PDB file of N, CA and C in Angstrom:
ATOM      1  N   MET A   1      -4.540  -6.897 -19.928  1.00  0.00           N
ATOM      2  CA  MET A   1      -4.354  -5.723 -19.095  1.00  0.00           C
ATOM      3  C   MET A   1      -5.092  -5.899 -17.759  1.00  0.00           C
ATOM      4  N   LYS A   2      -6.243  -6.553 -17.802  1.00  0.00           N
ATOM      5  CA  LYS A   2      -7.000  -6.754 -16.564  1.00  0.00           C
ATOM      6  C   LYS A   2      -6.221  -7.600 -15.566  1.00  0.00           C
ATOM      7  N   ARG A   3      -5.541  -8.603 -16.074  1.00  0.00           N
ATOM      8  CA  ARG A   3      -4.752  -9.459 -15.179  1.00  0.00           C
ATOM      9  C   ARG A   3      -3.632  -8.674 -14.506  1.00  0.00           C
ATOM     10  N   ARG A   4      -3.008  -7.784 -15.247  1.00  0.00           N
ATOM     11  CA  ARG A   4      -1.929  -7.005 -14.659  1.00  0.00           C
ATOM     12  C   ARG A   4      -2.444  -6.045 -13.594  1.00  0.00           C
ATOM     13  N   ILE A   5      -3.629  -5.472 -13.810  1.00  0.00           N
ATOM     14  CA  ILE A   5      -4.203  -4.579 -12.803  1.00  0.00           C
ATOM     15  C   ILE A   5      -4.578  -5.371 -11.554  1.00  0.00           C
ATOM     16  N   VAL A   6      -5.132  -6.570 -11.749  1.00  0.00           N
ATOM     17  CA  VAL A   6      -5.436  -7.436 -10.607  1.00  0.00           C
ATOM     18  C   VAL A   6      -4.146  -7.814  -9.878  1.00  0.00           C
ATOM     19  N   THR A   7      -3.078  -8.031 -10.628  1.00  0.00           N
ATOM     20  CA  THR A   7      -1.788  -8.342 -10.013  1.00  0.00           C
ATOM     21  C   THR A   7      -1.308  -7.171  -9.163  1.00  0.00           C
ATOM     22  N   TRP A   8      -1.483  -5.956  -9.655  1.00  0.00           N
ATOM     23  CA  TRP A   8      -1.131  -4.772  -8.872  1.00  0.00           C
ATOM     24  C   TRP A   8      -1.948  -4.724  -7.578  1.00  0.00           C
ATOM     25  N   ALA A   9      -3.247  -5.007  -7.671  1.00  0.00           N
ATOM     26  CA  ALA A   9      -4.109  -4.974  -6.489  1.00  0.00           C
ATOM     27  C   ALA A   9      -3.705  -6.058  -5.483  1.00  0.00           C
ATOM     28  N   ILE A  10      -3.383  -7.235  -5.977  1.00  0.00           N
ATOM     29  CA  ILE A  10      -2.934  -8.310  -5.086  1.00  0.00           C
ATOM     30  C   ILE A  10      -1.623  -7.916  -4.406  1.00  0.00           C
ATOM     31  N   ALA A  11      -0.746  -7.262  -5.158  1.00  0.00           N
ATOM     32  CA  ALA A  11       0.517  -6.800  -4.562  1.00  0.00           C
ATOM     33  C   ALA A  11       0.249  -5.801  -3.439  1.00  0.00           C
ATOM     34  N   GLY A  12      -0.690  -4.903  -3.631  1.00  0.00           N
ATOM     35  CA  GLY A  12      -1.041  -3.950  -2.578  1.00  0.00           C
ATOM     36  C   GLY A  12      -1.609  -4.633  -1.348  1.00  0.00           C
ATOM     37  N   PHE A  13      -2.448  -5.638  -1.568  1.00  0.00           N
ATOM     38  CA  PHE A  13      -3.006  -6.416  -0.463  1.00  0.00           C
ATOM     39  C   PHE A  13      -1.900  -7.113   0.307  1.00  0.00           C
ATOM     40  N   LEU A  14      -0.951  -7.717  -0.412  1.00  0.00           N
ATOM     41  CA  LEU A  14       0.144  -8.433   0.235  1.00  0.00           C
ATOM     42  C   LEU A  14       1.084  -7.499   0.985  1.00  0.00           C
ATOM     43  N   VAL A  15       1.324  -6.316   0.435  1.00  0.00           N
ATOM     44  CA  VAL A  15       2.185  -5.340   1.116  1.00  0.00           C
ATOM     45  C   VAL A  15       1.557  -4.922   2.449  1.00  0.00           C
ATOM     46  N   ALA A  16       0.270  -4.605   2.421  1.00  0.00           N
ATOM     47  CA  ALA A  16      -0.403  -4.221   3.668  1.00  0.00           C
ATOM     48  C   ALA A  16      -0.429  -5.393   4.648  1.00  0.00           C
ATOM     49  N   GLY A  17      -0.630  -6.597   4.133  1.00  0.00           N
ATOM     50  CA  GLY A  17      -0.601  -7.781   4.995  1.00  0.00           C
ATOM     51  C   GLY A  17       0.759  -7.989   5.627  1.00  0.00           C
ATOM     52  N   PHE A  18       1.812  -7.765   4.844  1.00  0.00           N
ATOM     53  CA  PHE A  18       3.166  -7.886   5.390  1.00  0.00           C
ATOM     54  C   PHE A  18       3.385  -6.893   6.525  1.00  0.00           C
ATOM     55  N   TRP A  19       2.976  -5.640   6.341  1.00  0.00           N
ATOM     56  CA  TRP A  19       3.175  -4.641   7.385  1.00  0.00           C
ATOM     57  C   TRP A  19       2.349  -4.964   8.615  1.00  0.00           C
ATOM     58  N   ALA A  20       1.153  -5.543   8.423  1.00  0.00           N
ATOM     59  CA  ALA A  20       0.341  -5.943   9.577  1.00  0.00           C
ATOM     60  C   ALA A  20       1.034  -7.057  10.353  1.00  0.00           C
ATOM     61  N   LEU A  21       1.584  -8.028   9.646  1.00  0.00           N
ATOM     62  CA  LEU A  21       2.316  -9.104  10.317  1.00  0.00           C
ATOM     63  C   LEU A  21       3.566  -8.575  11.013  1.00  0.00           C
ATOM     64  N   TYR A  22       4.255  -7.650  10.375  1.00  0.00           N
ATOM     65  CA  TYR A  22       5.450  -7.056  10.974  1.00  0.00           C
ATOM     66  C   TYR A  22       5.084  -6.295  12.249  1.00  0.00           C
ATOM     67  N   ALA A  23       4.004  -5.537  12.202  1.00  0.00           N
ATOM     68  CA  ALA A  23       3.578  -4.781  13.380  1.00  0.00           C
ATOM     69  C   ALA A  23       3.158  -5.719  14.506  1.00  0.00           C
ATOM     70  N   ALA A  24       2.519  -6.826  14.158  1.00  0.00           N
ATOM     71  CA  ALA A  24       2.116  -7.789  15.181  1.00  0.00           C
ATOM     72  C   ALA A  24       3.331  -8.493  15.792  1.00  0.00           C
ATOM     73  N   ALA A  25       4.333  -8.759  14.975  1.00  0.00           N
ATOM     74  CA  ALA A  25       5.526  -9.445  15.469  1.00  0.00           C
ATOM     75  C   ALA A  25       6.376  -8.553  16.364  1.00  0.00           C
ATOM     76  N   THR A  26       6.369  -7.264  16.112  1.00  0.00           N
ATOM     77  CA  THR A  26       7.166  -6.315  16.901  1.00  0.00           C
ATOM     78  C   THR A  26       6.259  -5.439  17.756  1.00  0.00           C
ATOM     79  N   PHE A  27       5.209  -6.013  18.303  1.00  0.00           N
ATOM     80  CA  PHE A  27       4.148  -5.254  18.961  1.00  0.00           C
ATOM     81  C   PHE A  27       4.592  -4.328  20.084  1.00  0.00           C
ATOM     82  N   PRO A  28       5.387  -4.736  21.030  1.00  0.00           N
ATOM     83  CA  PRO A  28       5.646  -3.806  22.145  1.00  0.00           C
ATOM     84  C   PRO A  28       6.354  -2.515  21.743  1.00  0.00           C
ATOM     85  N   SER A  29       7.135  -2.545  20.672  1.00  0.00           N
ATOM     86  CA  SER A  29       7.855  -1.323  20.298  1.00  0.00           C
ATOM     87  C   SER A  29       7.023  -0.495  19.327  1.00  0.00           C
ATOM     88  N   PRO A  30       6.897   0.811  19.578  1.00  0.00           N
ATOM     89  CA  PRO A  30       6.176   1.663  18.633  1.00  0.00           C
ATOM     90  C   PRO A  30       6.992   1.860  17.356  1.00  0.00           C
ATOM     91  N   LEU A  31       6.326   1.749  16.228  1.00  0.00           N
ATOM     92  CA  LEU A  31       7.023   1.844  14.942  1.00  0.00           C
ATOM     93  C   LEU A  31       7.471   3.264  14.623  1.00  0.00           C
ATOM     94  N   ILE A  32       6.799   4.257  15.180  1.00  0.00           N
ATOM     95  CA  ILE A  32       7.087   5.638  14.804  1.00  0.00           C
ATOM     96  C   ILE A  32       8.391   6.129  15.408  1.00  0.00           C
ATOM     97  N   SER A  33       8.549   5.988  16.707  1.00  0.00           N
ATOM     98  CA  SER A  33       9.714   6.585  17.348  1.00  0.00           C
ATOM     99  C   SER A  33      10.945   5.695  17.333  1.00  0.00           C
ATOM    100  N   ASP A  34      10.771   4.386  17.424  1.00  0.00           N
ATOM    101  CA  ASP A  34      11.921   3.496  17.500  1.00  0.00           C
ATOM    102  C   ASP A  34      12.602   3.266  16.159  1.00  0.00           C
ATOM    103  N   GLN A  35      11.824   3.178  15.103  1.00  0.00           N
ATOM    104  CA  GLN A  35      12.374   2.813  13.797  1.00  0.00           C
ATOM    105  C   GLN A  35      11.873   3.773  12.720  1.00  0.00           C
ATOM    106  N   PRO A  36      12.490   4.945  12.583  1.00  0.00           N
ATOM    107  CA  PRO A  36      11.984   5.909  11.601  1.00  0.00           C
ATOM    108  C   PRO A  36      12.117   5.428  10.155  1.00  0.00           C
ATOM    109  N   ILE A  37      13.102   4.587   9.862  1.00  0.00           N
ATOM    110  CA  ILE A  37      13.246   4.078   8.494  1.00  0.00           C
ATOM    111  C   ILE A  37      12.082   3.165   8.155  1.00  0.00           C
ATOM    112  N   VAL A  38      11.694   2.323   9.107  1.00  0.00           N
ATOM    113  CA  VAL A  38      10.551   1.424   8.883  1.00  0.00           C
ATOM    114  C   VAL A  38       9.277   2.233   8.721  1.00  0.00           C
ATOM    115  N   TRP A  39       9.094   3.255   9.548  1.00  0.00           N
ATOM    116  CA  TRP A  39       7.897   4.079   9.450  1.00  0.00           C
ATOM    117  C   TRP A  39       7.846   4.795   8.104  1.00  0.00           C
ATOM    118  N   THR A  40       8.971   5.247   7.589  1.00  0.00           N
ATOM    119  CA  THR A  40       9.010   5.873   6.273  1.00  0.00           C
ATOM    120  C   THR A  40       8.627   4.876   5.184  1.00  0.00           C
ATOM    121  N   LEU A  41       9.133   3.656   5.275  1.00  0.00           N
ATOM    122  CA  LEU A  41       8.755   2.623   4.299  1.00  0.00           C
ATOM    123  C   LEU A  41       7.267   2.299   4.365  1.00  0.00           C
ATOM    124  N   ILE A  42       6.716   2.269   5.565  1.00  0.00           N
ATOM    125  CA  ILE A  42       5.279   2.029   5.705  1.00  0.00           C
ATOM    126  C   ILE A  42       4.492   3.149   5.043  1.00  0.00           C
ATOM    127  N   ASN A  43       4.890   4.386   5.255  1.00  0.00           N
ATOM    128  CA  ASN A  43       4.187   5.518   4.648  1.00  0.00           C
ATOM    129  C   ASN A  43       4.262   5.502   3.130  1.00  0.00           C
ATOM    130  N   ILE A  44       5.384   5.049   2.585  1.00  0.00           N
ATOM    131  CA  ILE A  44       5.530   5.017   1.129  1.00  0.00           C
ATOM    132  C   ILE A  44       4.716   3.885   0.520  1.00  0.00           C
ATOM    133  N   THR A  45       4.760   2.710   1.139  1.00  0.00           N
ATOM    134  CA  THR A  45       4.132   1.536   0.531  1.00  0.00           C
ATOM    135  C   THR A  45       2.681   1.333   0.952  1.00  0.00           C
ATOM    136  N   CYS A  46       2.229   2.021   1.981  1.00  0.00           N
ATOM    137  CA  CYS A  46       0.858   1.866   2.468  1.00  0.00           C
ATOM    138  C   CYS A  46       0.269   3.254   2.740  1.00  0.00           C
ATOM    139  N   PRO A  47      -0.221   3.940   1.711  1.00  0.00           N
ATOM    140  CA  PRO A  47      -0.649   5.334   1.871  1.00  0.00           C
ATOM    141  C   PRO A  47      -1.807   5.531   2.857  1.00  0.00           C
ATOM    142  N   ILE A  48      -2.648   4.527   3.061  1.00  0.00           N
ATOM    143  CA  ILE A  48      -3.749   4.677   4.009  1.00  0.00           C
ATOM    144  C   ILE A  48      -3.226   4.818   5.430  1.00  0.00           C
ATOM    145  N   ALA A  49      -2.092   4.203   5.729  1.00  0.00           N
ATOM    146  CA  ALA A  49      -1.490   4.349   7.060  1.00  0.00           C
ATOM    147  C   ALA A  49      -1.038   5.798   7.269  1.00  0.00           C
ATOM    148  N   PHE A  50      -0.462   6.393   6.249  1.00  0.00           N
ATOM    149  CA  PHE A  50      -0.052   7.798   6.341  1.00  0.00           C
ATOM    150  C   PHE A  50      -1.268   8.692   6.550  1.00  0.00           C
ATOM    151  N   ALA A  51      -2.334   8.447   5.800  1.00  0.00           N
ATOM    152  CA  ALA A  51      -3.541   9.272   5.926  1.00  0.00           C
ATOM    153  C   ALA A  51      -4.171   9.125   7.307  1.00  0.00           C
ATOM    154  N   SER A  52      -4.231   7.902   7.826  1.00  0.00           N
ATOM    155  CA  SER A  52      -4.848   7.718   9.141  1.00  0.00           C
ATOM    156  C   SER A  52      -4.011   8.350  10.245  1.00  0.00           C
ATOM    157  N   PHE A  53      -2.703   8.320  10.103  1.00  0.00           N
ATOM    158  CA  PHE A  53      -1.844   8.944  11.105  1.00  0.00           C
ATOM    159  C   PHE A  53      -1.907  10.465  11.013  1.00  0.00           C
ATOM    160  N   HIS A  54      -1.895  10.985   9.782  1.00  0.00           N
ATOM    161  CA  HIS A  54      -1.888  12.429   9.572  1.00  0.00           C
ATOM    162  C   HIS A  54      -3.207  13.074  10.001  1.00  0.00           C
ATOM    163  N   PHE A  55      -4.326  12.419   9.699  1.00  0.00           N
ATOM    164  CA  PHE A  55      -5.639  12.987  10.016  1.00  0.00           C
ATOM    165  C   PHE A  55      -6.225  12.448  11.325  1.00  0.00           C
ATOM    166  N   HIS A  56      -5.444  11.681  12.074  1.00  0.00           N
ATOM    167  CA  HIS A  56      -5.800  11.211  13.415  1.00  0.00           C
ATOM    168  C   HIS A  56      -7.097  10.398  13.443  1.00  0.00           C
ATOM    169  N   PHE A  57      -7.175   9.378  12.617  1.00  0.00           N
ATOM    170  CA  PHE A  57      -8.305   8.465  12.704  1.00  0.00           C
ATOM    171  C   PHE A  57      -7.796   7.032  12.625  1.00  0.00           C
ATOM    172  N   GLY A  58      -8.452   6.178  13.355  1.00  0.00           N
ATOM    173  CA  GLY A  58      -8.075   4.776  13.356  1.00  0.00           C
ATOM    174  C   GLY A  58      -8.784   4.041  12.227  1.00  0.00           C
ATOM    175  N   ILE A  59      -8.196   2.971  11.786  1.00  0.00           N
ATOM    176  CA  ILE A  59      -8.796   2.192  10.706  1.00  0.00           C
ATOM    177  C   ILE A  59      -8.514   0.721  10.985  1.00  0.00           C
ATOM    178  N   LYS A  60      -9.500  -0.096  10.757  1.00  0.00           N
ATOM    179  CA  LYS A  60      -9.372  -1.526  11.026  1.00  0.00           C
ATOM    180  C   LYS A  60      -8.509  -2.187   9.962  1.00  0.00           C
ATOM    181  N   LEU A  61      -7.946  -3.330  10.327  1.00  0.00           N
ATOM    182  CA  LEU A  61      -7.005  -4.024   9.450  1.00  0.00           C
ATOM    183  C   LEU A  61      -7.622  -4.382   8.100  1.00  0.00           C
ATOM    184  N   TYR A  62      -8.840  -4.896   8.090  1.00  0.00           N
ATOM    185  CA  TYR A  62      -9.424  -5.310   6.815  1.00  0.00           C
ATOM    186  C   TYR A  62      -9.682  -4.125   5.903  1.00  0.00           C
ATOM    187  N   TRP A  63      -9.946  -2.948   6.464  1.00  0.00           N
ATOM    188  CA  TRP A  63     -10.099  -1.763   5.623  1.00  0.00           C
ATOM    189  C   TRP A  63      -8.744  -1.293   5.080  1.00  0.00           C
ATOM    190  N   VAL A  64      -7.706  -1.475   5.873  1.00  0.00           N
ATOM    191  CA  VAL A  64      -6.356  -1.138   5.396  1.00  0.00           C
ATOM    192  C   VAL A  64      -5.983  -2.039   4.226  1.00  0.00           C
ATOM    193  N   LEU A  65      -6.259  -3.335   4.363  1.00  0.00           N
ATOM    194  CA  LEU A  65      -5.967  -4.273   3.276  1.00  0.00           C
ATOM    195  C   LEU A  65      -6.750  -3.908   2.016  1.00  0.00           C
ATOM    196  N   LEU A  66      -8.030  -3.613   2.177  1.00  0.00           N
ATOM    197  CA  LEU A  66      -8.873  -3.262   1.038  1.00  0.00           C
ATOM    198  C   LEU A  66      -8.442  -1.936   0.406  1.00  0.00           C
ATOM    199  N   ALA A  67      -8.184  -0.939   1.242  1.00  0.00           N
ATOM    200  CA  ALA A  67      -7.787   0.377   0.722  1.00  0.00           C
ATOM    201  C   ALA A  67      -6.440   0.309   0.009  1.00  0.00           C
ATOM    202  N   ASN A  68      -5.504  -0.465   0.553  1.00  0.00           N
ATOM    203  CA  ASN A  68      -4.198  -0.570  -0.090  1.00  0.00           C
ATOM    204  C   ASN A  68      -4.311  -1.328  -1.419  1.00  0.00           C
ATOM    205  N   ALA A  69      -5.150  -2.352  -1.446  1.00  0.00           N
ATOM    206  CA  ALA A  69      -5.371  -3.077  -2.700  1.00  0.00           C
ATOM    207  C   ALA A  69      -6.001  -2.157  -3.743  1.00  0.00           C
ATOM    208  N   ALA A  70      -6.964  -1.349  -3.332  1.00  0.00           N
ATOM    209  CA  ALA A  70      -7.597  -0.411  -4.265  1.00  0.00           C
ATOM    210  C   ALA A  70      -6.606   0.655  -4.740  1.00  0.00           C
ATOM    211  N   THR A  71      -5.778   1.148  -3.833  1.00  0.00           N
ATOM    212  CA  THR A  71      -4.782   2.157  -4.200  1.00  0.00           C
ATOM    213  C   THR A  71      -3.787   1.592  -5.209  1.00  0.00           C
ATOM    214  N   TYR A  72      -3.280   0.406  -4.945  1.00  0.00           N
ATOM    215  CA  TYR A  72      -2.338  -0.215  -5.867  1.00  0.00           C
ATOM    216  C   TYR A  72      -3.023  -0.561  -7.188  1.00  0.00           C
ATOM    217  N   GLY A  73      -4.295  -0.961  -7.138  1.00  0.00           N
ATOM    218  CA  GLY A  73      -5.035  -1.242  -8.369  1.00  0.00           C
ATOM    219  C   GLY A  73      -5.187   0.000  -9.229  1.00  0.00           C
ATOM    220  N   LEU A  74      -5.525   1.131  -8.606  1.00  0.00           N
ATOM    221  CA  LEU A  74      -5.639   2.382  -9.361  1.00  0.00           C
ATOM    222  C   LEU A  74      -4.287   2.845  -9.899  1.00  0.00           C
ATOM    223  N   PHE A  75      -3.250   2.677  -9.100  1.00  0.00           N
ATOM    224  CA  PHE A  75      -1.910   3.015  -9.561  1.00  0.00           C
ATOM    225  C   PHE A  75      -1.519   2.119 -10.738  1.00  0.00           C
ATOM    226  N   GLY A  76      -1.845   0.823 -10.629  1.00  0.00           N
ATOM    227  CA  GLY A  76      -1.567  -0.108 -11.722  1.00  0.00           C
ATOM    228  C   GLY A  76      -2.335   0.239 -12.972  1.00  0.00           C
ATOM    229  N   LEU A  77      -3.585   0.676 -12.819  1.00  0.00           N
ATOM    230  CA  LEU A  77      -4.382   1.098 -13.973  1.00  0.00           C
ATOM    231  C   LEU A  77      -3.723   2.274 -14.686  1.00  0.00           C
ATOM    232  N   ALA A  78      -3.242   3.250 -13.907  1.00  0.00           N
ATOM    233  CA  ALA A  78      -2.572   4.407 -14.498  1.00  0.00           C
ATOM    234  C   ALA A  78      -1.282   3.998 -15.201  1.00  0.00           C
ATOM    235  N   VAL A  79      -0.485   3.155 -14.547  1.00  0.00           N
ATOM    236  CA  VAL A  79       0.786   2.725 -15.137  1.00  0.00           C
ATOM    237  C   VAL A  79       0.548   1.910 -16.408  1.00  0.00           C
ATOM    238  N   GLU A  80      -0.393   0.974 -16.356  1.00  0.00           N
ATOM    239  CA  GLU A  80      -0.658   0.136 -17.527  1.00  0.00           C
ATOM    240  C   GLU A  80      -1.244   0.943 -18.674  1.00  0.00           C
ATOM    241  N   SER A  81      -2.079   1.942 -18.372  1.00  0.00           N
ATOM    242  CA  SER A  81      -2.633   2.794 -19.427  1.00  0.00           C
ATOM    243  C   SER A  81      -1.534   3.607 -20.092  1.00  0.00           C
ATOM    244  N   LEU A  82      -0.652   4.179 -19.279  1.00  0.00           N
ATOM    245  CA  LEU A  82       0.467   4.938 -19.845  1.00  0.00           C
ATOM    246  C   LEU A  82       1.395   4.023 -20.642  1.00  0.00           C
ATOM    247  N   TRP A  83       1.637   2.838 -20.133  1.00  0.00           N
ATOM    248  CA  TRP A  83       2.499   1.889 -20.828  1.00  0.00           C
ATOM    249  C   TRP A  83       1.911   1.500 -22.180  1.00  0.00           C
ATOM    250  N   GLN A  84       0.587   1.293 -22.209  1.00  0.00           N
ATOM    251  CA  GLN A  84      -0.084   0.938 -23.451  1.00  0.00           C
ATOM    252  C   GLN A  84      -0.014   2.078 -24.461  1.00  0.00           C
ATOM    253  N   GLN A  85      -0.200   3.309 -23.993  1.00  0.00           N
ATOM    254  CA  GLN A  85      -0.127   4.456 -24.894  1.00  0.00           C
ATOM    255  C   GLN A  85       1.289   4.643 -25.429  1.00  0.00           C
ATOM    256  N   LEU A  86       2.302   4.429 -24.596  1.00  0.00           N
ATOM    257  CA  LEU A  86       3.682   4.561 -25.045  1.00  0.00           C
ATOM    258  C   LEU A  86       4.055   3.451 -26.016  1.00  0.00           C
ATOM    259  N   SER A  87       3.498   2.268 -25.845  1.00  0.00           N
ATOM    260  CA  SER A  87       3.798   1.163 -26.774  1.00  0.00           C
ATOM    261  C   SER A  87       3.168   1.417 -28.135  1.00  0.00           C
ATOM    262  N   HIS A  88       1.966   1.986 -28.159  1.00  0.00           N
ATOM    263  CA  HIS A  88       1.311   2.268 -29.432  1.00  0.00           C
ATOM    264  C   HIS A  88       1.945   3.450 -30.156  1.00  0.00           C
ATOM    265  N   ALA A  89       2.580   4.348 -29.409  1.00  0.00           N
ATOM    266  CA  ALA A  89       3.214   5.505 -30.019  1.00  0.00           C
ATOM    267  C   ALA A  89       4.459   5.121 -30.807  1.00  0.00           C
ATOM    268  N   LYS A  90       5.088   4.014 -30.434  1.00  0.00           N
ATOM    269  CA  LYS A  90       6.325   3.609 -31.109  1.00  0.00           C
ATOM    270  C   LYS A  90       6.056   2.947 -32.370  1.00  0.00           C
TER     271      LYS A  90
END
């Protein structure tokens, strides 16, 4: 179970890293107004970006990577715990 939770955390780190690379590659265009579908995907897959935009605070890239990894790790812990309980119930 620990490996799966670590896998969830690594996935969160990679997702945030992907969005950082995407933002760097498309730097001159703002992600919010030009591409609303992309901005919606960022908000869904990277909740710290939504929080920083909503509450008007900036956050450095390494904190975004860490926060997204922690968020995905906690989500993975919840999913794996529920999955384990459902498997034992059967």
